[in-house]
Amino acid sequence: MRLRDRFARFMYGRYGTDRLNQFLSIVVIVCLVLSFIFGQVFYYIGLICLVIELFRMLSKNTTKRYAENQKYLQMEATVKNKFSGFKRTASQSKDYHIYKCPSCGQKIRVPRGKGKIVITCRKCGTEFTKRS
């Protein structure tokens, strides 16, 4: 209990861990595993990430660390949105064709198996013919 109290006092006012530090921990583990296979380059990359992670965790400049974490979360959300869009398109490609309007670029979903049809864009009203 006494060691725990000392550690709590030591960490008081320091930033601690967040999502960026969790990501860096995963990068460290992956780099260390890859260093066994591919050599020392990944070892040094992992070591640098570990030092950055410890620096961020023990930092007392919480506003800067918070801003770094917010930037990371924005980038993570962008990547997740891209992959969820690909996933949604792939799951719908079984039942639907997805075309782009030639004039405005709006994506239009058309059911498969209807033959040659005339498609009207809901955004700009342009009509074009495609095979479904």
N, C-alpha and C. Protein backbone atom coordinates (compact mmCIF):
# COMPACT_ATOMS: atom_id res chain seq x y z
N MET A 1 0.83 -1.18 0.00
CA MET A 1 0.00 0.00 0.00
C MET A 1 0.88 1.26 0.00
N ARG A 2 1.96 1.20 0.69
CA ARG A 2 2.82 2.36 0.79
C ARG A 2 3.47 2.69 -0.56
N LEU A 3 3.90 1.66 -1.30
CA LEU A 3 4.49 1.86 -2.62
C LEU A 3 3.46 2.45 -3.58
N ARG A 4 2.24 2.00 -3.46
CA ARG A 4 1.16 2.52 -4.29
C ARG A 4 0.91 4.01 -4.02
N ASP A 5 0.97 4.40 -2.77
CA ASP A 5 0.80 5.81 -2.43
C ASP A 5 1.94 6.66 -2.98
N ARG A 6 3.15 6.14 -2.90
CA ARG A 6 4.30 6.87 -3.43
C ARG A 6 4.16 7.06 -4.94
N PHE A 7 3.74 5.99 -5.61
CA PHE A 7 3.55 6.09 -7.05
C PHE A 7 2.44 7.09 -7.40
N ALA A 8 1.37 7.09 -6.63
CA ALA A 8 0.27 8.03 -6.85
C ALA A 8 0.74 9.46 -6.66
N ARG A 9 1.56 9.69 -5.65
CA ARG A 9 2.11 11.03 -5.43
C ARG A 9 3.06 11.44 -6.56
N PHE A 10 3.84 10.49 -7.04
CA PHE A 10 4.76 10.76 -8.14
C PHE A 10 4.00 11.14 -9.41
N MET A 11 2.90 10.44 -9.68
CA MET A 11 2.13 10.68 -10.91
C MET A 11 1.19 11.88 -10.81
N TYR A 12 1.04 12.46 -9.63
CA TYR A 12 0.15 13.59 -9.47
C TYR A 12 0.62 14.76 -10.33
N GLY A 13 -0.27 15.29 -11.16
CA GLY A 13 0.05 16.41 -12.03
C GLY A 13 0.66 15.99 -13.36
N ARG A 14 0.89 14.71 -13.55
CA ARG A 14 1.46 14.21 -14.80
C ARG A 14 0.32 13.76 -15.71
N TYR A 15 0.61 13.63 -16.99
CA TYR A 15 -0.44 13.39 -17.98
C TYR A 15 -1.01 11.98 -17.90
N GLY A 16 -0.19 10.98 -17.78
CA GLY A 16 -0.70 9.60 -17.73
C GLY A 16 -0.85 9.02 -19.12
N THR A 17 -1.79 8.12 -19.28
CA THR A 17 -1.95 7.43 -20.55
C THR A 17 -3.24 7.85 -21.24
N ASP A 18 -3.24 7.69 -22.56
CA ASP A 18 -4.41 8.00 -23.37
C ASP A 18 -4.39 7.11 -24.61
N ARG A 19 -5.25 7.39 -25.58
CA ARG A 19 -5.36 6.54 -26.76
C ARG A 19 -4.08 6.56 -27.60
N LEU A 20 -3.43 7.69 -27.69
CA LEU A 20 -2.18 7.76 -28.45
C LEU A 20 -1.10 6.91 -27.78
N ASN A 21 -1.02 6.93 -26.46
CA ASN A 21 -0.06 6.09 -25.76
C ASN A 21 -0.40 4.61 -25.93
N GLN A 22 -1.67 4.27 -25.97
CA GLN A 22 -2.07 2.88 -26.20
C GLN A 22 -1.64 2.44 -27.60
N PHE A 23 -1.82 3.32 -28.58
CA PHE A 23 -1.38 3.01 -29.94
C PHE A 23 0.14 2.84 -29.99
N LEU A 24 0.86 3.74 -29.31
CA LEU A 24 2.33 3.62 -29.28
C LEU A 24 2.77 2.32 -28.62
N SER A 25 2.05 1.86 -27.60
CA SER A 25 2.38 0.58 -26.96
C SER A 25 2.24 -0.57 -27.94
N ILE A 26 1.19 -0.53 -28.74
CA ILE A 26 0.99 -1.59 -29.75
C ILE A 26 2.11 -1.53 -30.79
N VAL A 27 2.49 -0.32 -31.19
CA VAL A 27 3.58 -0.17 -32.17
C VAL A 27 4.88 -0.72 -31.59
N VAL A 28 5.14 -0.47 -30.32
CA VAL A 28 6.35 -0.97 -29.67
C VAL A 28 6.36 -2.50 -29.70
N ILE A 29 5.26 -3.13 -29.35
CA ILE A 29 5.20 -4.59 -29.32
C ILE A 29 5.39 -5.16 -30.73
N VAL A 30 4.70 -4.59 -31.71
CA VAL A 30 4.83 -5.07 -33.09
C VAL A 30 6.26 -4.90 -33.59
N CYS A 31 6.88 -3.76 -33.30
CA CYS A 31 8.25 -3.53 -33.74
C CYS A 31 9.23 -4.50 -33.08
N LEU A 32 9.01 -4.79 -31.82
CA LEU A 32 9.91 -5.74 -31.15
C LEU A 32 9.77 -7.14 -31.74
N VAL A 33 8.56 -7.55 -32.07
CA VAL A 33 8.37 -8.86 -32.71
C VAL A 33 9.01 -8.87 -34.09
N LEU A 34 8.81 -7.79 -34.85
CA LEU A 34 9.41 -7.71 -36.18
C LEU A 34 10.93 -7.63 -36.13
N SER A 35 11.48 -7.12 -35.03
CA SER A 35 12.94 -7.04 -34.92
C SER A 35 13.57 -8.43 -34.83
N PHE A 36 12.84 -9.41 -34.30
CA PHE A 36 13.36 -10.78 -34.27
C PHE A 36 13.44 -11.36 -35.68
N ILE A 37 12.56 -10.92 -36.56
CA ILE A 37 12.50 -11.47 -37.91
C ILE A 37 13.38 -10.69 -38.88
N PHE A 38 13.26 -9.36 -38.86
CA PHE A 38 13.89 -8.54 -39.89
C PHE A 38 15.14 -7.79 -39.45
N GLY A 39 15.45 -7.76 -38.18
CA GLY A 39 16.69 -7.12 -37.77
C GLY A 39 16.49 -5.92 -36.87
N GLN A 40 17.58 -5.18 -36.71
CA GLN A 40 17.65 -4.14 -35.70
C GLN A 40 16.90 -2.86 -36.04
N VAL A 41 16.52 -2.66 -37.28
CA VAL A 41 15.83 -1.42 -37.66
C VAL A 41 14.53 -1.30 -36.88
N PHE A 42 13.77 -2.37 -36.84
CA PHE A 42 12.50 -2.35 -36.10
C PHE A 42 12.72 -2.24 -34.60
N TYR A 43 13.83 -2.77 -34.12
CA TYR A 43 14.15 -2.63 -32.69
C TYR A 43 14.32 -1.16 -32.32
N TYR A 44 15.06 -0.43 -33.15
CA TYR A 44 15.30 0.99 -32.86
C TYR A 44 14.02 1.82 -33.01
N ILE A 45 13.20 1.48 -33.99
CA ILE A 45 11.92 2.18 -34.15
C ILE A 45 11.05 1.95 -32.91
N GLY A 46 11.01 0.70 -32.45
CA GLY A 46 10.25 0.38 -31.24
C GLY A 46 10.79 1.09 -30.01
N LEU A 47 12.10 1.19 -29.93
CA LEU A 47 12.73 1.87 -28.80
C LEU A 47 12.40 3.37 -28.80
N ILE A 48 12.42 3.97 -29.97
CA ILE A 48 12.06 5.39 -30.08
C ILE A 48 10.61 5.60 -29.68
N CYS A 49 9.71 4.72 -30.13
CA CYS A 49 8.29 4.84 -29.76
C CYS A 49 8.10 4.67 -28.26
N LEU A 50 8.88 3.79 -27.64
CA LEU A 50 8.79 3.59 -26.19
C LEU A 50 9.22 4.83 -25.43
N VAL A 51 10.30 5.47 -25.90
CA VAL A 51 10.77 6.69 -25.25
C VAL A 51 9.72 7.80 -25.39
N ILE A 52 9.12 7.92 -26.57
CA ILE A 52 8.08 8.93 -26.78
C ILE A 52 6.89 8.66 -25.87
N GLU A 53 6.52 7.39 -25.77
CA GLU A 53 5.39 7.01 -24.91
C GLU A 53 5.66 7.36 -23.44
N LEU A 54 6.84 7.03 -22.95
CA LEU A 54 7.18 7.35 -21.56
C LEU A 54 7.26 8.85 -21.33
N PHE A 55 7.81 9.58 -22.30
CA PHE A 55 7.87 11.04 -22.18
C PHE A 55 6.47 11.63 -22.07
N ARG A 56 5.55 11.17 -22.94
CA ARG A 56 4.18 11.68 -22.91
C ARG A 56 3.49 11.32 -21.59
N MET A 57 3.73 10.11 -21.10
CA MET A 57 3.07 9.65 -19.88
C MET A 57 3.53 10.44 -18.65
N LEU A 58 4.80 10.78 -18.61
CA LEU A 58 5.35 11.45 -17.43
C LEU A 58 5.37 12.98 -17.57
N SER A 59 4.88 13.48 -18.67
CA SER A 59 4.90 14.92 -18.91
C SER A 59 3.93 15.66 -18.00
N LYS A 60 4.33 16.85 -17.59
CA LYS A 60 3.45 17.70 -16.79
C LYS A 60 2.76 18.77 -17.66
N ASN A 61 3.11 18.84 -18.91
CA ASN A 61 2.47 19.76 -19.84
C ASN A 61 1.22 19.08 -20.42
N THR A 62 0.16 19.06 -19.63
CA THR A 62 -1.03 18.29 -19.99
C THR A 62 -1.78 18.90 -21.17
N THR A 63 -1.73 20.21 -21.33
CA THR A 63 -2.47 20.82 -22.45
C THR A 63 -1.88 20.41 -23.80
N LYS A 64 -0.57 20.35 -23.88
CA LYS A 64 0.07 19.93 -25.12
C LYS A 64 -0.19 18.46 -25.42
N ARG A 65 -0.10 17.62 -24.39
CA ARG A 65 -0.37 16.19 -24.57
C ARG A 65 -1.83 15.95 -24.98
N TYR A 66 -2.73 16.75 -24.40
CA TYR A 66 -4.14 16.62 -24.75
C TYR A 66 -4.37 17.00 -26.22
N ALA A 67 -3.70 18.06 -26.66
CA ALA A 67 -3.83 18.48 -28.06
C ALA A 67 -3.27 17.42 -29.01
N GLU A 68 -2.15 16.79 -28.64
CA GLU A 68 -1.59 15.71 -29.45
C GLU A 68 -2.57 14.56 -29.55
N ASN A 69 -3.19 14.21 -28.43
CA ASN A 69 -4.15 13.11 -28.42
C ASN A 69 -5.36 13.44 -29.29
N GLN A 70 -5.82 14.69 -29.25
CA GLN A 70 -6.97 15.08 -30.07
C GLN A 70 -6.65 14.97 -31.56
N LYS A 71 -5.45 15.37 -31.96
CA LYS A 71 -5.04 15.22 -33.36
C LYS A 71 -5.01 13.74 -33.75
N TYR A 72 -4.49 12.90 -32.86
CA TYR A 72 -4.45 11.47 -33.14
C TYR A 72 -5.87 10.92 -33.28
N LEU A 73 -6.78 11.32 -32.40
CA LEU A 73 -8.15 10.82 -32.46
C LEU A 73 -8.84 11.26 -33.75
N GLN A 74 -8.55 12.46 -34.23
CA GLN A 74 -9.11 12.91 -35.51
C GLN A 74 -8.59 12.07 -36.66
N MET A 75 -7.29 11.78 -36.67
CA MET A 75 -6.73 10.94 -37.72
C MET A 75 -7.31 9.53 -37.65
N GLU A 76 -7.46 8.99 -36.44
CA GLU A 76 -8.02 7.67 -36.27
C GLU A 76 -9.46 7.62 -36.80
N ALA A 77 -10.24 8.64 -36.52
CA ALA A 77 -11.63 8.69 -36.99
C ALA A 77 -11.67 8.76 -38.51
N THR A 78 -10.75 9.51 -39.12
CA THR A 78 -10.70 9.60 -40.58
C THR A 78 -10.42 8.23 -41.20
N VAL A 79 -9.47 7.52 -40.64
CA VAL A 79 -9.12 6.19 -41.16
C VAL A 79 -10.29 5.22 -40.97
N LYS A 80 -10.92 5.26 -39.80
CA LYS A 80 -12.07 4.38 -39.55
C LYS A 80 -13.21 4.66 -40.50
N ASN A 81 -13.47 5.95 -40.77
CA ASN A 81 -14.55 6.30 -41.70
C ASN A 81 -14.26 5.81 -43.11
N LYS A 82 -13.00 5.90 -43.55
CA LYS A 82 -12.64 5.39 -44.87
C LYS A 82 -12.90 3.89 -44.96
N PHE A 83 -12.45 3.14 -43.95
CA PHE A 83 -12.63 1.70 -43.99
C PHE A 83 -14.09 1.30 -43.83
N SER A 84 -14.87 2.03 -43.06
CA SER A 84 -16.28 1.70 -42.93
C SER A 84 -17.01 1.96 -44.24
N GLY A 85 -16.59 2.98 -44.98
CA GLY A 85 -17.17 3.24 -46.30
C GLY A 85 -16.86 2.12 -47.27
N PHE A 86 -15.63 1.61 -47.25
CA PHE A 86 -15.27 0.48 -48.10
C PHE A 86 -16.06 -0.76 -47.71
N LYS A 87 -16.22 -0.97 -46.42
CA LYS A 87 -16.94 -2.14 -45.93
C LYS A 87 -18.41 -2.08 -46.35
N ARG A 88 -19.01 -0.90 -46.21
CA ARG A 88 -20.42 -0.73 -46.60
C ARG A 88 -20.59 -0.96 -48.10
N THR A 89 -19.68 -0.39 -48.91
CA THR A 89 -19.76 -0.56 -50.35
C THR A 89 -19.59 -2.03 -50.74
N ALA A 90 -18.67 -2.72 -50.08
CA ALA A 90 -18.45 -4.13 -50.39
C ALA A 90 -19.66 -4.98 -50.01
N SER A 91 -20.30 -4.67 -48.89
CA SER A 91 -21.46 -5.46 -48.48
C SER A 91 -22.66 -5.19 -49.40
N GLN A 92 -22.77 -3.99 -49.96
CA GLN A 92 -23.88 -3.68 -50.85
C GLN A 92 -23.62 -4.11 -52.28
N SER A 93 -22.39 -4.39 -52.66
CA SER A 93 -22.08 -4.72 -54.04
C SER A 93 -22.68 -6.06 -54.46
N LYS A 94 -23.08 -6.86 -53.52
CA LYS A 94 -23.72 -8.13 -53.83
C LYS A 94 -25.12 -7.92 -54.41
N ASP A 95 -25.85 -6.94 -53.90
CA ASP A 95 -27.23 -6.71 -54.29
C ASP A 95 -27.43 -5.47 -55.16
N TYR A 96 -26.45 -4.57 -55.19
CA TYR A 96 -26.62 -3.29 -55.88
C TYR A 96 -25.40 -2.94 -56.70
N HIS A 97 -25.64 -2.19 -57.79
CA HIS A 97 -24.58 -1.50 -58.52
C HIS A 97 -24.55 -0.08 -57.99
N ILE A 98 -23.39 0.49 -57.87
CA ILE A 98 -23.27 1.88 -57.45
C ILE A 98 -22.59 2.65 -58.58
N TYR A 99 -23.35 3.60 -59.14
CA TYR A 99 -22.86 4.42 -60.23
C TYR A 99 -22.70 5.86 -59.76
N LYS A 100 -21.88 6.62 -60.49
CA LYS A 100 -21.74 8.05 -60.24
C LYS A 100 -22.43 8.80 -61.37
N CYS A 101 -23.13 9.85 -61.00
CA CYS A 101 -23.78 10.71 -61.98
C CYS A 101 -22.70 11.38 -62.83
N PRO A 102 -22.84 11.35 -64.16
CA PRO A 102 -21.80 11.95 -65.01
C PRO A 102 -21.69 13.47 -64.89
N SER A 103 -22.74 14.15 -64.44
CA SER A 103 -22.65 15.61 -64.37
C SER A 103 -22.24 16.12 -63.00
N CYS A 104 -22.81 15.55 -61.92
CA CYS A 104 -22.51 16.10 -60.58
C CYS A 104 -21.65 15.18 -59.72
N GLY A 105 -21.51 13.90 -60.10
CA GLY A 105 -20.66 12.98 -59.34
C GLY A 105 -21.36 12.32 -58.17
N GLN A 106 -22.65 12.54 -57.98
CA GLN A 106 -23.41 11.93 -56.89
C GLN A 106 -23.44 10.41 -57.06
N LYS A 107 -23.23 9.67 -55.99
CA LYS A 107 -23.31 8.21 -56.05
C LYS A 107 -24.77 7.79 -56.04
N ILE A 108 -25.11 6.85 -56.93
CA ILE A 108 -26.48 6.37 -57.06
C ILE A 108 -26.46 4.85 -56.97
N ARG A 109 -27.31 4.31 -56.09
CA ARG A 109 -27.38 2.86 -55.89
C ARG A 109 -28.55 2.31 -56.70
N VAL A 110 -28.26 1.29 -57.54
CA VAL A 110 -29.26 0.69 -58.42
C VAL A 110 -29.28 -0.80 -58.15
N PRO A 111 -30.47 -1.43 -58.01
CA PRO A 111 -30.51 -2.87 -57.76
C PRO A 111 -29.99 -3.67 -58.96
N ARG A 112 -29.34 -4.77 -58.67
CA ARG A 112 -28.79 -5.64 -59.72
C ARG A 112 -29.92 -6.44 -60.38
N GLY A 113 -29.66 -6.87 -61.60
CA GLY A 113 -30.55 -7.80 -62.29
C GLY A 113 -31.77 -7.18 -62.93
N LYS A 114 -31.81 -5.90 -63.18
CA LYS A 114 -32.98 -5.25 -63.80
C LYS A 114 -32.76 -5.00 -65.29
N GLY A 115 -31.61 -5.36 -65.83
CA GLY A 115 -31.33 -5.13 -67.25
C GLY A 115 -30.86 -3.71 -67.50
N LYS A 116 -31.09 -3.25 -68.73
CA LYS A 116 -30.68 -1.89 -69.12
C LYS A 116 -31.75 -0.92 -68.64
N ILE A 117 -31.38 0.06 -67.81
CA ILE A 117 -32.35 0.99 -67.24
C ILE A 117 -31.88 2.42 -67.39
N VAL A 118 -32.82 3.32 -67.32
CA VAL A 118 -32.53 4.76 -67.33
C VAL A 118 -32.52 5.22 -65.87
N ILE A 119 -31.42 5.83 -65.48
CA ILE A 119 -31.24 6.28 -64.10
C ILE A 119 -31.36 7.80 -64.07
N THR A 120 -32.16 8.30 -63.13
CA THR A 120 -32.29 9.75 -62.96
C THR A 120 -31.61 10.14 -61.65
N CYS A 121 -30.68 11.09 -61.74
CA CYS A 121 -29.98 11.57 -60.55
C CYS A 121 -30.94 12.42 -59.72
N ARG A 122 -31.05 12.13 -58.47
CA ARG A 122 -31.94 12.89 -57.59
C ARG A 122 -31.38 14.26 -57.24
N LYS A 123 -30.09 14.42 -57.38
CA LYS A 123 -29.48 15.69 -57.01
C LYS A 123 -29.62 16.74 -58.12
N CYS A 124 -29.29 16.33 -59.37
CA CYS A 124 -29.29 17.32 -60.45
C CYS A 124 -30.32 17.04 -61.53
N GLY A 125 -30.94 15.85 -61.51
CA GLY A 125 -31.98 15.52 -62.49
C GLY A 125 -31.48 14.97 -63.80
N THR A 126 -30.19 14.75 -63.95
CA THR A 126 -29.62 14.20 -65.18
C THR A 126 -30.05 12.74 -65.35
N GLU A 127 -30.42 12.38 -66.59
CA GLU A 127 -30.77 11.00 -66.89
C GLU A 127 -29.66 10.37 -67.70
N PHE A 128 -29.33 9.12 -67.35
CA PHE A 128 -28.31 8.37 -68.09
C PHE A 128 -28.68 6.89 -68.04
N THR A 129 -28.21 6.14 -69.03
CA THR A 129 -28.57 4.73 -69.17
C THR A 129 -27.40 3.86 -68.74
N LYS A 130 -27.69 2.86 -67.93
CA LYS A 130 -26.68 1.89 -67.47
C LYS A 130 -27.31 0.50 -67.41
N ARG A 131 -26.46 -0.50 -67.37
CA ARG A 131 -26.91 -1.89 -67.21
C ARG A 131 -26.81 -2.26 -65.75
N SER A 132 -27.88 -2.82 -65.20
CA SER A 132 -27.85 -3.15 -63.77
C SER A 132 -27.60 -4.61 -63.51
